[in-house]
Amino acid sequence: MSTKYEELAARAERGELVVKPGTVRRGDAAAHDEIQRLVMEATGASTVQEAANIAVGRPRVGAKGGQSPVVRARVPQSLKERVAALAEREQRAESDIVREAVAAYVEMRQVS
C-alpha cells in the first residue's frame, strides 16, 4: 500500500498529475462539506441529523434543560456482571437498569 503512495508522491513531485477541471474546491463551503462528510463517515450515520444525534449524545435524564446529577456506588463484581447480563438481554443500557432499580427501591420505601 505504501508503494502506491510513494509512486503518487513521486509523480506529483515530477508534475505528472493532472487535476480534473471542476474537482478542486476551496473556501468555507468546501471545508464545511468535508467536515460533514468526515463526521458522517465517523459516526456511520446516513443523515446529517442522525450524525448530530450520535455526536452530541443522548439528552440528559432530568427535566428538559435541567440537571442530571450522578449517583455513584461501588458494587460487588458479581452484581455488576448480573446487571450487565440483564442489560444485554433486554438490549438496554446498564444505567437504565440501575436507575429503574433505585427508583423502585425508593418508591418501595416511600422516600420522597
Protein backbone atom coordinates (compact mmCIF):
# COMPACT_ATOMS: atom_id res chain seq x y z
CA MET A 1 0.00 0.00 0.00
CA SER A 2 2.79 2.46 0.84
CA THR A 3 4.32 1.77 -2.59
CA LYS A 4 1.20 3.23 -4.20
CA TYR A 5 1.51 6.41 -2.14
CA GLU A 6 5.23 6.64 -2.83
CA GLU A 7 4.55 6.31 -6.56
CA LEU A 8 1.85 9.00 -6.40
CA ALA A 9 4.16 11.29 -4.41
CA ALA A 10 6.93 10.84 -6.98
CA ARG A 11 4.54 11.59 -9.84
CA ALA A 12 3.28 14.69 -8.03
CA GLU A 13 6.84 15.92 -7.48
CA ARG A 14 7.57 15.47 -11.19
CA GLY A 15 4.38 17.41 -12.05
CA GLU A 16 2.83 14.44 -13.82
CA LEU A 17 -0.50 14.52 -12.01
CA VAL A 18 -3.27 16.47 -13.69
CA VAL A 19 -6.21 17.94 -11.78
CA LYS A 20 -9.57 17.25 -13.39
CA PRO A 21 -11.43 20.50 -14.10
CA GLY A 22 -14.18 21.22 -11.59
CA THR A 23 -12.85 18.85 -8.92
CA VAL A 24 -10.90 21.38 -6.85
CA ARG A 25 -12.92 23.07 -4.13
CA ARG A 26 -11.76 25.82 -1.82
CA GLY A 27 -13.13 28.03 0.91
CA ASP A 28 -15.60 27.71 3.75
CA ALA A 29 -18.21 25.78 1.78
CA ALA A 30 -15.66 23.14 0.78
CA ALA A 31 -14.41 22.87 4.38
CA HIS A 32 -17.99 22.57 5.68
CA ASP A 33 -18.82 19.80 3.18
CA GLU A 34 -15.62 17.91 4.02
CA ILE A 35 -16.26 18.15 7.77
CA GLN A 36 -19.82 16.95 7.25
CA ARG A 37 -18.59 14.01 5.15
CA LEU A 38 -15.99 13.07 7.78
CA VAL A 39 -18.49 13.25 10.68
CA MET A 40 -21.00 11.11 8.81
CA GLU A 41 -18.27 8.61 7.92
CA ALA A 42 -17.01 8.51 11.53
CA THR A 43 -20.47 8.02 13.03
CA GLY A 44 -21.80 5.70 10.35
CA ALA A 45 -24.86 7.94 10.04
CA SER A 46 -26.87 8.23 6.85
CA THR A 47 -28.26 11.72 7.53
CA VAL A 48 -26.86 14.91 8.99
CA GLN A 49 -29.48 14.83 11.79
CA GLU A 50 -28.55 11.27 12.72
CA ALA A 51 -24.85 12.20 12.78
CA ALA A 52 -25.61 15.18 15.02
CA ASN A 53 -27.59 12.99 17.44
CA ILE A 54 -24.75 10.48 17.61
CA ALA A 55 -22.07 13.15 18.00
CA VAL A 56 -23.95 15.12 20.67
CA GLY A 57 -25.25 12.09 22.54
CA ARG A 58 -28.49 11.47 24.35
CA PRO A 59 -30.31 14.26 26.17
CA ARG A 60 -29.97 14.45 29.93
CA VAL A 61 -32.25 12.28 32.03
CA GLY A 62 -33.57 15.16 34.17
CA ALA A 63 -36.20 17.69 33.21
CA LYS A 64 -35.75 19.36 29.85
CA GLY A 65 -32.73 21.61 30.16
CA GLY A 66 -32.40 20.65 33.81
CA GLN A 67 -29.69 18.91 35.77
CA SER A 68 -28.98 15.20 35.62
CA PRO A 69 -26.86 14.53 38.72
CA VAL A 70 -24.78 11.39 39.06
CA VAL A 71 -25.21 8.91 41.92
CA ARG A 72 -22.18 6.64 42.33
CA ALA A 73 -21.90 3.38 44.23
CA ARG A 74 -19.46 0.51 44.38
CA VAL A 75 -20.94 -2.95 43.94
CA PRO A 76 -19.53 -6.48 44.04
CA GLN A 77 -18.24 -7.77 40.69
CA SER A 78 -20.92 -10.46 40.64
CA LEU A 79 -23.70 -7.84 40.86
CA LYS A 80 -22.06 -5.75 38.13
CA GLU A 81 -21.94 -8.83 35.89
CA ARG A 82 -25.62 -9.60 36.58
CA VAL A 83 -26.61 -6.02 35.71
CA ALA A 84 -24.53 -6.21 32.51
CA ALA A 85 -26.14 -9.53 31.55
CA LEU A 86 -29.63 -8.16 32.19
CA ALA A 87 -28.88 -5.03 30.16
CA GLU A 88 -27.61 -7.13 27.27
CA ARG A 89 -30.59 -9.48 27.39
CA GLU A 90 -33.05 -6.57 27.43
CA GLN A 91 -30.98 -4.52 24.96
CA ARG A 92 -30.88 -1.60 27.39
CA ALA A 93 -28.13 0.48 28.95
CA GLU A 94 -26.84 -0.58 32.35
CA SER A 95 -27.57 2.93 33.62
CA ASP A 96 -31.25 2.47 32.70
CA ILE A 97 -31.41 -0.75 34.73
CA VAL A 98 -29.71 0.86 37.75
CA ARG A 99 -31.89 4.00 37.53
CA GLU A 100 -35.03 1.85 37.39
CA ALA A 101 -33.88 -0.27 40.35
CA VAL A 102 -33.08 2.76 42.52
CA ALA A 103 -36.44 4.36 41.67
CA ALA A 104 -38.29 1.15 42.58
CA TYR A 105 -36.37 0.84 45.87
CA VAL A 106 -37.05 4.45 46.85
CA GLU A 107 -40.73 4.08 45.91
CA MET A 108 -41.00 0.88 47.93
CA ARG A 109 -39.52 2.67 50.97
CA GLN A 110 -41.80 5.64 50.28
CA VAL A 111 -38.99 8.17 50.44
CA SER A 112 -39.86 11.49 48.89
